[in-house]
Amino acid sequence: MRLRYYMIVLTTLCVAGAAITAALAMGFVGWPAFAVSGATGLIVGVPGGIWLARRIKKDDPAWNQRRDEPRPLRDA
């Protein structure tokens, strides 16, 4: 699986978790707090994950660029 997908999932869940923790700490309990936190996680996490993956690849001199190329289909 590609690094980008891992970073998107990780960043989205971290942002949503931080948002729901902050909402619950401020006393907002209910489904709207969870909905807003989930939306915040998606809105901030997806571009953030893509940015992080690009940053990791850019800063790593040993990154193999062939990893990002699509793999050819193999015959069975």
N, C-alpha and C. Protein backbone atom coordinates (compact mmCIF):
# COMPACT_ATOMS: atom_id res chain seq x y z
N MET A 1 0.85 -1.18 0.00
CA MET A 1 0.00 0.00 0.00
C MET A 1 0.89 1.24 0.00
N ARG A 2 0.37 2.29 -0.52
CA ARG A 2 1.18 3.49 -0.68
C ARG A 2 1.27 4.27 0.63
N LEU A 3 2.38 4.97 0.78
CA LEU A 3 2.62 5.79 1.97
C LEU A 3 1.52 6.84 2.14
N ARG A 4 1.06 7.39 1.04
CA ARG A 4 0.04 8.44 1.09
C ARG A 4 -1.22 7.97 1.81
N TYR A 5 -1.65 6.75 1.54
CA TYR A 5 -2.88 6.25 2.16
C TYR A 5 -2.71 6.08 3.67
N TYR A 6 -1.58 5.57 4.09
CA TYR A 6 -1.32 5.44 5.52
C TYR A 6 -1.30 6.79 6.21
N MET A 7 -0.67 7.76 5.58
CA MET A 7 -0.58 9.08 6.20
C MET A 7 -1.93 9.78 6.24
N ILE A 8 -2.76 9.59 5.23
CA ILE A 8 -4.10 10.19 5.24
C ILE A 8 -4.93 9.61 6.37
N VAL A 9 -4.92 8.29 6.51
CA VAL A 9 -5.70 7.65 7.58
C VAL A 9 -5.19 8.08 8.95
N LEU A 10 -3.89 8.06 9.13
CA LEU A 10 -3.31 8.42 10.42
C LEU A 10 -3.59 9.87 10.79
N THR A 11 -3.41 10.77 9.84
CA THR A 11 -3.62 12.19 10.11
C THR A 11 -5.10 12.49 10.37
N THR A 12 -5.98 11.89 9.59
CA THR A 12 -7.42 12.11 9.76
C THR A 12 -7.87 11.64 11.13
N LEU A 13 -7.46 10.46 11.53
CA LEU A 13 -7.88 9.94 12.83
C LEU A 13 -7.28 10.74 14.00
N CYS A 14 -6.06 11.20 13.85
CA CYS A 14 -5.45 12.00 14.91
C CYS A 14 -6.15 13.35 15.07
N VAL A 15 -6.47 14.00 13.96
CA VAL A 15 -7.15 15.30 14.03
C VAL A 15 -8.56 15.12 14.59
N ALA A 16 -9.27 14.11 14.14
CA ALA A 16 -10.63 13.87 14.64
C ALA A 16 -10.59 13.51 16.12
N GLY A 17 -9.63 12.73 16.54
CA GLY A 17 -9.50 12.37 17.96
C GLY A 17 -9.19 13.57 18.83
N ALA A 18 -8.31 14.43 18.35
CA ALA A 18 -8.00 15.65 19.11
C ALA A 18 -9.21 16.57 19.18
N ALA A 19 -9.97 16.65 18.09
CA ALA A 19 -11.15 17.51 18.08
C ALA A 19 -12.23 16.99 19.02
N ILE A 20 -12.47 15.69 19.06
CA ILE A 20 -13.50 15.16 19.95
C ILE A 20 -13.05 15.25 21.40
N THR A 21 -11.76 15.09 21.65
CA THR A 21 -11.25 15.25 23.01
C THR A 21 -11.45 16.68 23.49
N ALA A 22 -11.17 17.64 22.62
CA ALA A 22 -11.37 19.05 22.99
C ALA A 22 -12.85 19.35 23.20
N ALA A 23 -13.70 18.82 22.34
CA ALA A 23 -15.14 19.06 22.47
C ALA A 23 -15.69 18.48 23.77
N LEU A 24 -15.28 17.26 24.09
CA LEU A 24 -15.76 16.63 25.33
C LEU A 24 -15.21 17.35 26.56
N ALA A 25 -13.98 17.83 26.48
CA ALA A 25 -13.40 18.55 27.61
C ALA A 25 -14.12 19.88 27.86
N MET A 26 -14.66 20.47 26.79
CA MET A 26 -15.40 21.72 26.95
C MET A 26 -16.87 21.50 27.31
N GLY A 27 -17.28 20.25 27.41
CA GLY A 27 -18.64 19.95 27.85
C GLY A 27 -19.64 19.72 26.74
N PHE A 28 -19.19 19.66 25.50
CA PHE A 28 -20.09 19.38 24.39
C PHE A 28 -20.24 17.87 24.24
N VAL A 29 -21.39 17.36 24.68
CA VAL A 29 -21.62 15.92 24.64
C VAL A 29 -22.84 15.67 23.76
N GLY A 30 -22.71 14.84 22.79
CA GLY A 30 -23.82 14.53 21.90
C GLY A 30 -23.33 14.26 20.50
N TRP A 31 -24.27 13.90 19.64
CA TRP A 31 -23.88 13.53 18.29
C TRP A 31 -23.32 14.71 17.48
N PRO A 32 -23.77 15.96 17.71
CA PRO A 32 -23.17 17.05 16.92
C PRO A 32 -21.66 17.21 17.16
N ALA A 33 -21.23 16.98 18.38
CA ALA A 33 -19.80 17.08 18.68
C ALA A 33 -19.01 16.04 17.88
N PHE A 34 -19.55 14.83 17.79
CA PHE A 34 -18.87 13.77 17.05
C PHE A 34 -18.92 14.05 15.55
N ALA A 35 -20.03 14.58 15.06
CA ALA A 35 -20.15 14.88 13.63
C ALA A 35 -19.19 16.00 13.22
N VAL A 36 -19.12 17.03 14.03
CA VAL A 36 -18.21 18.14 13.72
C VAL A 36 -16.76 17.68 13.81
N SER A 37 -16.45 16.85 14.78
CA SER A 37 -15.08 16.34 14.91
C SER A 37 -14.70 15.45 13.74
N GLY A 38 -15.62 14.62 13.30
CA GLY A 38 -15.35 13.78 12.13
C GLY A 38 -15.16 14.60 10.87
N ALA A 39 -15.99 15.61 10.68
CA ALA A 39 -15.86 16.48 9.51
C ALA A 39 -14.54 17.26 9.56
N THR A 40 -14.19 17.72 10.76
CA THR A 40 -12.92 18.43 10.92
C THR A 40 -11.75 17.51 10.59
N GLY A 41 -11.83 16.27 11.03
CA GLY A 41 -10.78 15.30 10.72
C GLY A 41 -10.62 15.09 9.23
N LEU A 42 -11.74 14.97 8.51
CA LEU A 42 -11.66 14.77 7.07
C LEU A 42 -11.15 16.01 6.34
N ILE A 43 -11.65 17.16 6.73
CA ILE A 43 -11.28 18.40 6.04
C ILE A 43 -9.81 18.74 6.25
N VAL A 44 -9.31 18.51 7.45
CA VAL A 44 -7.92 18.84 7.75
C VAL A 44 -6.99 17.66 7.48
N GLY A 45 -7.47 16.45 7.74
CA GLY A 45 -6.61 15.27 7.68
C GLY A 45 -6.22 14.82 6.29
N VAL A 46 -7.13 14.91 5.33
CA VAL A 46 -6.81 14.43 3.99
C VAL A 46 -5.72 15.29 3.33
N PRO A 47 -5.88 16.62 3.28
CA PRO A 47 -4.78 17.41 2.70
C PRO A 47 -3.51 17.33 3.55
N GLY A 48 -3.68 17.23 4.86
CA GLY A 48 -2.51 17.12 5.74
C GLY A 48 -1.75 15.83 5.52
N GLY A 49 -2.46 14.73 5.32
CA GLY A 49 -1.81 13.45 5.06
C GLY A 49 -1.07 13.43 3.74
N ILE A 50 -1.67 14.03 2.72
CA ILE A 50 -1.01 14.12 1.42
C ILE A 50 0.24 14.98 1.54
N TRP A 51 0.14 16.09 2.24
CA TRP A 51 1.30 16.96 2.42
C TRP A 51 2.42 16.25 3.19
N LEU A 52 2.04 15.51 4.25
CA LEU A 52 3.05 14.79 5.03
C LEU A 52 3.76 13.73 4.19
N ALA A 53 3.01 12.99 3.39
CA ALA A 53 3.63 11.96 2.54
C ALA A 53 4.61 12.58 1.56
N ARG A 54 4.22 13.70 0.95
CA ARG A 54 5.13 14.38 0.03
C ARG A 54 6.37 14.88 0.74
N ARG A 55 6.17 15.39 1.93
CA ARG A 55 7.30 15.92 2.71
C ARG A 55 8.28 14.80 3.09
N ILE A 56 7.74 13.66 3.50
CA ILE A 56 8.60 12.52 3.85
C ILE A 56 9.41 12.07 2.65
N LYS A 57 8.75 11.95 1.50
CA LYS A 57 9.45 11.51 0.29
C LYS A 57 10.50 12.52 -0.15
N LYS A 58 10.19 13.80 -0.01
CA LYS A 58 11.11 14.85 -0.44
C LYS A 58 12.35 14.90 0.45
N ASP A 59 12.16 14.72 1.76
CA ASP A 59 13.27 14.85 2.70
C ASP A 59 14.11 13.59 2.84
N ASP A 60 13.65 12.46 2.30
CA ASP A 60 14.38 11.21 2.44
C ASP A 60 15.24 10.98 1.20
N PRO A 61 16.57 11.09 1.32
CA PRO A 61 17.42 10.91 0.14
C PRO A 61 17.44 9.46 -0.35
N ALA A 62 17.09 8.53 0.49
CA ALA A 62 17.12 7.13 0.10
C ALA A 62 15.77 6.63 -0.42
N TRP A 63 14.80 7.52 -0.60
CA TRP A 63 13.48 7.10 -1.06
C TRP A 63 13.58 6.59 -2.50
N ASN A 64 13.02 5.43 -2.74
CA ASN A 64 13.04 4.79 -4.04
C ASN A 64 11.84 5.30 -4.85
N GLN A 65 12.08 6.04 -5.90
CA GLN A 65 11.00 6.61 -6.70
C GLN A 65 10.20 5.54 -7.44
N ARG A 66 10.78 4.38 -7.66
CA ARG A 66 10.07 3.30 -8.35
C ARG A 66 8.92 2.77 -7.50
N ARG A 67 8.92 3.03 -6.20
CA ARG A 67 7.83 2.59 -5.35
C ARG A 67 6.52 3.28 -5.72
N ASP A 68 6.61 4.49 -6.25
CA ASP A 68 5.42 5.26 -6.58
C ASP A 68 4.83 4.92 -7.94
N GLU A 69 5.55 4.15 -8.73
CA GLU A 69 5.05 3.78 -10.05
C GLU A 69 4.06 2.63 -9.91
N PRO A 70 3.02 2.62 -10.72
CA PRO A 70 2.07 1.50 -10.66
C PRO A 70 2.75 0.20 -11.08
N ARG A 71 2.37 -0.87 -10.43
CA ARG A 71 2.94 -2.18 -10.75
C ARG A 71 2.20 -2.79 -11.93
N PRO A 72 2.93 -3.47 -12.83
CA PRO A 72 2.25 -4.13 -13.96
C PRO A 72 1.48 -5.35 -13.46
N LEU A 73 0.39 -5.66 -14.13
CA LEU A 73 -0.40 -6.83 -13.78
C LEU A 73 0.35 -8.08 -14.21
N ARG A 74 0.30 -9.09 -13.37
CA ARG A 74 0.96 -10.35 -13.68
C ARG A 74 -0.06 -11.33 -14.22
N ASP A 75 0.39 -12.14 -15.15
CA ASP A 75 -0.48 -13.19 -15.68
C ASP A 75 -0.51 -14.35 -14.70
N ALA A 76 -1.65 -14.99 -14.58
CA ALA A 76 -1.80 -16.11 -13.63
C ALA A 76 -1.23 -17.38 -14.15
